[in-house]
């Protein structure tokens, strides 16, 4: 079980959300998606037999004529704003910093490897002002880092490339407030009866079981929302310790050429906490792990 490196978070009243879209959208909880996934699988079994021959699509791309297709076709175009933002980026960033982007086209030497959540409200590029070339980034549900024995995944592949090939000096795991993946993890404790039902989300967030158990031990007397808030940080520390199960990460940390950091973004009050893991492999009679350089940006 991963040690609790942080104290339980104190309960606080959540701030209301502001509407940010002209079109109303239904709110979907990650913790509730398993039932919907089951319905989709029950009604869409033929999809598994769909053709996977993508060569025809590739030929269409190669033969595409830019001046022969009306992108909007008179209907709502979800890419309208994206196109405008891209053109603005090209004029304000790419053209004005042409030599920088030409250098980036030849190589990348990022300062950070960032593991962040896939939540649309938690974009590390926007929150931390990261620019192209600054960070090699992977995002997944609940910003989890699997242990080494878990095997191959997009997250472990990204870590291997960033640490062994790009030689990044810093790995930063970024968690956040009101994380649906953590809510799903904390909701699993009373659902042993449906453990045989297949859910990709359930299988994935179960990697954070040790963080859930630590949370139950440290904050089990608090309400569910407060437990989730505690687990959001506990799971970050669990991921930091999981990073050390990779031999090539542990070796670089011991050498002092790689540092492991944590970040927690609270989008309710727009604050950011950061801390760094201290690893003392030769220590006897005490914990090998501690935190340092903890600060809050607000």
Protein backbone atom coordinates (compact mmCIF):
# COMPACT_ATOMS: atom_id res chain seq x y z
CA UNK A 1 0.00 0.00 0.00
CA UNK A 2 1.37 3.42 -0.89
CA UNK A 3 2.16 5.55 2.17
CA UNK A 4 0.02 8.61 2.78
CA UNK A 5 2.45 11.44 2.07
CA UNK A 6 -0.16 14.15 2.51
CA UNK A 7 -2.64 14.87 5.27
CA UNK A 8 -6.38 14.53 4.52
CA UNK A 9 -7.76 17.51 2.69
CA UNK A 10 -10.11 19.68 4.75
CA UNK A 11 -13.74 19.83 3.58
CA UNK A 12 -14.74 22.96 1.73
CA UNK A 13 -17.92 24.14 0.08
CA UNK A 14 -17.82 23.69 -3.70
CA UNK A 15 -18.19 26.77 -5.84
CA UNK A 16 -20.95 26.83 -8.46
CA UNK A 17 -20.04 26.31 -12.08
CA UNK A 18 -20.72 28.96 -14.69
CA UNK A 19 -22.35 28.04 -17.97
CA UNK A 20 -19.68 28.12 -20.67
CA UNK A 21 -21.48 27.02 -23.79
CA UNK A 22 -24.25 28.43 -25.94
CA UNK A 23 -25.54 24.92 -26.50
CA UNK A 24 -26.71 22.99 -23.43
CA UNK A 25 -24.96 19.69 -22.91
CA UNK A 26 -25.85 16.76 -20.69
CA UNK A 27 -23.45 16.14 -17.83
CA UNK A 28 -22.02 12.62 -17.90
CA UNK A 29 -20.28 11.12 -14.89
CA UNK A 30 -17.44 8.69 -15.50
CA UNK A 31 -18.61 6.68 -12.53
CA UNK A 32 -22.00 6.12 -14.20
CA UNK A 33 -20.77 5.19 -17.66
CA UNK A 34 -20.48 1.45 -17.12
CA UNK A 35 -24.22 0.88 -17.54
CA UNK A 36 -24.26 2.92 -20.71
CA UNK A 37 -21.26 0.96 -22.02
CA UNK A 38 -23.13 -2.27 -21.37
CA UNK A 39 -26.14 -1.02 -23.31
CA UNK A 40 -23.96 0.00 -26.21
CA UNK A 41 -22.29 -3.38 -26.28
CA UNK A 42 -25.62 -5.19 -26.11
CA UNK A 43 -27.08 -3.21 -29.01
CA UNK A 44 -23.99 -2.85 -31.13
CA UNK A 45 -22.44 -6.27 -31.32
CA UNK A 46 -22.15 -6.00 -35.10
CA UNK A 47 -19.65 -3.20 -34.72
CA UNK A 48 -16.95 -5.67 -33.73
CA UNK A 49 -17.23 -7.21 -37.20
CA UNK A 50 -16.79 -3.90 -39.01
CA UNK A 51 -14.09 -3.78 -41.66
CA UNK A 52 -10.71 -2.53 -40.51
CA UNK A 53 -9.37 -1.99 -44.01
CA UNK A 54 -8.13 1.60 -43.76
CA UNK A 55 -6.18 1.65 -47.01
CA UNK A 56 -9.18 3.10 -48.84
CA UNK A 57 -9.36 6.02 -46.42
CA UNK A 58 -5.65 6.66 -46.85
CA UNK A 59 -6.05 6.76 -50.64
CA UNK A 60 -8.82 9.31 -50.26
CA UNK A 61 -6.53 11.52 -48.18
CA UNK A 62 -3.75 11.26 -50.75
CA UNK A 63 -6.14 12.15 -53.58
CA UNK A 64 -7.81 14.98 -51.64
CA UNK A 65 -8.15 18.30 -53.48
CA UNK A 66 -8.30 21.21 -51.04
CA UNK A 67 -10.32 23.44 -53.34
CA UNK A 68 -13.08 20.96 -54.14
CA UNK A 69 -14.70 20.43 -50.71
CA UNK A 70 -16.93 22.76 -48.75
CA UNK A 71 -15.95 21.99 -45.16
CA UNK A 72 -19.11 23.37 -43.54
CA UNK A 73 -21.66 22.13 -46.10
CA UNK A 74 -24.11 24.72 -44.76
CA UNK A 75 -24.46 22.94 -41.42
CA UNK A 76 -22.95 23.59 -38.00
CA UNK A 77 -19.20 23.15 -38.26
CA UNK A 78 -17.54 22.13 -34.97
CA UNK A 79 -14.14 22.87 -36.52
CA UNK A 80 -14.92 26.50 -37.32
CA UNK A 81 -13.40 27.88 -34.13
CA UNK A 82 -10.53 25.40 -34.25
CA UNK A 83 -9.61 26.57 -37.74
CA UNK A 84 -9.70 30.22 -36.64
CA UNK A 85 -7.54 29.44 -33.62
CA UNK A 86 -5.07 27.49 -35.75
CA UNK A 87 -4.72 30.37 -38.22
CA UNK A 88 -4.22 32.78 -35.32
CA UNK A 89 -1.56 30.45 -33.87
CA UNK A 90 0.19 30.28 -37.23
CA UNK A 91 0.33 34.05 -37.60
CA UNK A 92 1.08 34.98 -33.98
CA UNK A 93 3.35 32.08 -33.01
CA UNK A 94 4.71 30.10 -35.92
CA UNK A 95 5.46 32.97 -38.31
CA UNK A 96 6.84 35.29 -35.64
CA UNK A 97 9.02 32.51 -34.17
CA UNK A 98 9.88 30.73 -37.39
CA UNK A 99 13.45 29.76 -36.46
CA UNK A 100 12.26 28.20 -33.19
CA UNK A 101 9.70 26.04 -34.96
CA UNK A 102 12.21 25.04 -37.62
CA UNK A 103 14.50 23.82 -34.84
CA UNK A 104 11.63 21.93 -33.26
CA UNK A 105 10.99 20.25 -36.58
CA UNK A 106 14.44 18.70 -36.32
CA UNK A 107 14.48 17.67 -32.64
CA UNK A 108 12.78 18.01 -29.28
CA UNK A 109 14.41 18.44 -25.88
CA UNK A 110 11.49 18.90 -23.45
CA UNK A 111 12.11 19.92 -19.86
CA UNK A 112 9.14 17.91 -18.58
CA UNK A 113 7.31 14.66 -19.06
CA UNK A 114 3.73 15.41 -17.94
CA UNK A 115 1.14 12.79 -16.96
CA UNK A 116 -2.24 14.51 -16.74
CA UNK A 117 -5.92 13.62 -16.70
CA UNK A 118 -7.97 13.43 -19.88
CA UNK A 119 -10.61 15.70 -18.29
CA UNK A 120 -11.42 18.53 -20.72
CA UNK A 121 -11.17 21.08 -17.89
CA UNK A 122 -7.59 20.15 -17.06
CA UNK A 123 -5.34 21.08 -19.97
CA UNK A 124 -1.75 21.33 -18.70
CA UNK A 125 -0.76 23.38 -21.73
CA UNK A 126 -3.26 26.11 -20.87
CA UNK A 127 -2.93 25.92 -17.09
CA UNK A 128 0.87 26.00 -17.00
CA UNK A 129 1.48 28.00 -20.17
CA UNK A 130 3.47 25.23 -21.81
CA UNK A 131 4.76 26.00 -25.28
CA UNK A 132 5.59 23.58 -28.11
CA UNK A 133 8.73 21.69 -27.15
CA UNK A 134 8.34 22.28 -23.39
CA UNK A 135 6.66 19.02 -22.33
CA UNK A 136 6.18 15.51 -23.61
CA UNK A 137 2.62 14.80 -22.44
CA UNK A 138 0.34 11.81 -21.98
CA UNK A 139 -3.23 12.08 -20.64
CA UNK A 140 -5.44 9.32 -19.29
CA UNK A 141 -8.40 8.79 -16.98
CA UNK A 142 -7.43 9.99 -13.46
CA UNK A 143 -3.79 10.68 -14.46
CA UNK A 144 -2.72 7.23 -13.26
CA UNK A 145 0.75 5.74 -13.66
CA UNK A 146 0.54 1.92 -13.71
CA UNK A 147 3.25 -0.05 -11.91
CA UNK A 148 6.00 -1.59 -14.03
CA UNK A 149 4.50 -5.08 -13.83
CA UNK A 150 1.27 -3.86 -15.41
CA UNK A 151 2.91 -4.08 -18.81
CA UNK A 152 2.51 -2.08 -21.98
CA UNK A 153 0.07 0.81 -22.28
CA UNK A 154 0.11 4.22 -23.92
CA UNK A 155 1.23 5.71 -20.59
CA UNK A 156 4.11 3.30 -20.03
CA UNK A 157 5.23 3.65 -23.65
CA UNK A 158 5.25 7.45 -23.29
CA UNK A 159 7.25 7.20 -20.08
CA UNK A 160 9.81 4.91 -21.69
CA UNK A 161 10.29 7.23 -24.65
CA UNK A 162 10.46 10.39 -22.55
CA UNK A 163 12.90 9.03 -19.98
CA UNK A 164 15.11 6.74 -22.09
CA UNK A 165 15.13 8.54 -25.44
CA UNK A 166 14.38 12.20 -24.72
CA UNK A 167 16.20 12.11 -21.35
CA UNK A 168 13.74 14.48 -19.69
CA UNK A 169 15.02 15.76 -16.33
CA UNK A 170 11.56 16.06 -14.75
CA UNK A 171 8.40 13.95 -14.61
CA UNK A 172 5.29 15.80 -13.41
CA UNK A 173 2.05 14.00 -12.49
CA UNK A 174 -0.88 16.42 -12.46
CA UNK A 175 -4.14 15.60 -10.67
CA UNK A 176 -7.17 17.82 -10.21
CA UNK A 177 -10.35 18.57 -8.30
CA UNK A 178 -13.67 16.82 -8.93
CA UNK A 179 -12.01 14.02 -10.86
CA UNK A 180 -14.58 11.60 -12.28
CA UNK A 181 -12.02 8.81 -12.45
CA UNK A 182 -11.32 9.11 -8.73
CA UNK A 183 -15.05 9.16 -8.01
CA UNK A 184 -15.33 5.91 -9.96
CA UNK A 185 -12.43 4.47 -7.97
CA UNK A 186 -13.95 5.44 -4.63
CA UNK A 187 -17.34 4.06 -5.69
CA UNK A 188 -15.90 0.60 -6.30
CA UNK A 189 -15.63 -0.36 -2.64
CA UNK A 190 -19.29 -1.35 -2.35
CA UNK A 191 -19.71 -2.97 -5.76
CA UNK A 192 -18.27 -6.43 -5.31
CA UNK A 193 -21.48 -7.94 -6.64
CA UNK A 194 -20.89 -6.70 -10.18
CA UNK A 195 -17.16 -7.43 -10.32
CA UNK A 196 -17.71 -9.76 -13.26
CA UNK A 197 -19.18 -7.03 -15.49
CA UNK A 198 -16.73 -5.75 -18.10
CA UNK A 199 -15.81 -2.08 -17.93
CA UNK A 200 -12.67 -0.51 -19.34
CA UNK A 201 -13.02 2.36 -16.85
CA UNK A 202 -13.35 0.00 -13.88
CA UNK A 203 -10.35 -2.04 -14.99
CA UNK A 204 -8.25 1.09 -15.46
CA UNK A 205 -9.07 2.99 -12.26
CA UNK A 206 -8.62 -0.19 -10.22
CA UNK A 207 -4.89 0.53 -10.64
CA UNK A 208 -5.44 3.13 -7.92
CA UNK A 209 -6.74 0.63 -5.37
CA UNK A 210 -3.90 1.29 -2.93
CA UNK A 211 -4.74 5.01 -2.95
CA UNK A 212 -8.38 4.19 -2.24
CA UNK A 213 -7.45 1.95 0.69
CA UNK A 214 -5.11 4.62 2.10
CA UNK A 215 -7.89 7.17 1.77
CA UNK A 216 -10.38 4.94 3.58
CA UNK A 217 -7.88 4.51 6.42
CA UNK A 218 -7.05 8.21 6.72
CA UNK A 219 -10.35 9.88 5.80
CA UNK A 220 -12.99 7.17 6.09
CA UNK A 221 -14.93 9.26 8.62
CA UNK A 222 -15.47 12.08 6.11
CA UNK A 223 -18.24 12.39 3.54
CA UNK A 224 -17.83 10.97 0.05
CA UNK A 225 -16.85 14.28 -1.55
CA UNK A 226 -14.12 14.86 1.02
CA UNK A 227 -12.84 11.31 0.61
CA UNK A 228 -12.60 11.85 -3.14
CA UNK A 229 -10.71 15.09 -2.59
CA UNK A 230 -8.25 13.25 -0.35
CA UNK A 231 -7.89 10.39 -2.83
CA UNK A 232 -7.21 12.80 -5.69
CA UNK A 233 -3.94 13.70 -3.96
CA UNK A 234 -3.30 10.25 -2.55
CA UNK A 235 -3.48 8.75 -6.05
CA UNK A 236 -0.90 11.26 -7.28
CA UNK A 237 1.51 10.06 -4.60
CA UNK A 238 0.68 6.46 -5.50
CA UNK A 239 1.61 7.23 -9.11
CA UNK A 240 4.88 8.81 -7.99
CA UNK A 241 5.78 5.62 -6.13
CA UNK A 242 4.69 3.53 -9.13
CA UNK A 243 7.17 5.49 -11.24
CA UNK A 244 9.97 4.11 -9.08
CA UNK A 245 8.97 0.54 -9.97
CA UNK A 246 10.44 1.15 -13.46
CA UNK A 247 14.12 0.16 -13.24
CA UNK A 248 15.28 2.82 -15.67
CA UNK A 249 13.36 5.53 -13.79
CA UNK A 250 14.63 4.41 -10.39
CA UNK A 251 18.19 4.36 -11.71
CA UNK A 252 18.03 7.93 -13.00
CA UNK A 253 16.37 9.16 -9.81
CA UNK A 254 19.15 7.61 -7.72
CA UNK A 255 21.72 9.19 -10.04
CA UNK A 256 20.11 12.57 -9.57
CA UNK A 257 19.43 13.06 -13.29
CA UNK A 258 15.64 12.71 -12.97
CA UNK A 259 13.23 14.35 -10.52
CA UNK A 260 9.66 13.25 -9.81
CA UNK A 261 7.10 15.96 -9.11
CA UNK A 262 3.40 16.21 -8.32
CA UNK A 263 0.85 18.89 -9.16
CA UNK A 264 -2.77 19.35 -8.10
CA UNK A 265 -5.00 21.77 -9.98
CA UNK A 266 -8.16 22.91 -8.20
CA UNK A 267 -10.32 24.46 -10.91
CA UNK A 268 -12.99 25.44 -8.36
CA UNK A 269 -10.82 28.22 -6.91
CA UNK A 270 -8.02 28.17 -9.51
CA UNK A 271 -5.11 27.16 -7.31
CA UNK A 272 -2.20 24.87 -8.08
CA UNK A 273 -0.22 22.85 -5.53
CA UNK A 274 3.11 21.28 -6.34
CA UNK A 275 5.54 19.08 -4.44
CA UNK A 276 8.58 16.91 -5.19
CA UNK A 277 9.19 13.32 -4.14
CA UNK A 278 12.33 12.54 -2.14
CA UNK A 279 13.58 8.97 -2.60
CA UNK A 280 16.13 7.58 -0.15
CA UNK A 281 16.70 3.93 -1.17
CA UNK A 282 19.48 3.28 1.33
CA UNK A 283 17.59 4.58 4.35
CA UNK A 284 17.08 2.13 7.22
CA UNK A 285 14.65 2.39 10.10
CA UNK A 286 12.37 4.93 8.43
CA UNK A 287 10.42 5.77 5.31
CA UNK A 288 12.32 5.83 2.03
CA UNK A 289 9.95 8.50 0.77
CA UNK A 290 9.22 12.09 1.68
CA UNK A 291 8.11 15.28 0.00
CA UNK A 292 9.89 18.59 -0.37
CA UNK A 293 9.44 21.98 -2.03
CA UNK A 294 5.72 21.96 -1.42
CA UNK A 295 4.00 25.20 -2.37
CA UNK A 296 0.62 26.54 -3.43
CA UNK A 297 0.16 28.97 -6.30
CA UNK A 298 -2.91 31.11 -5.88
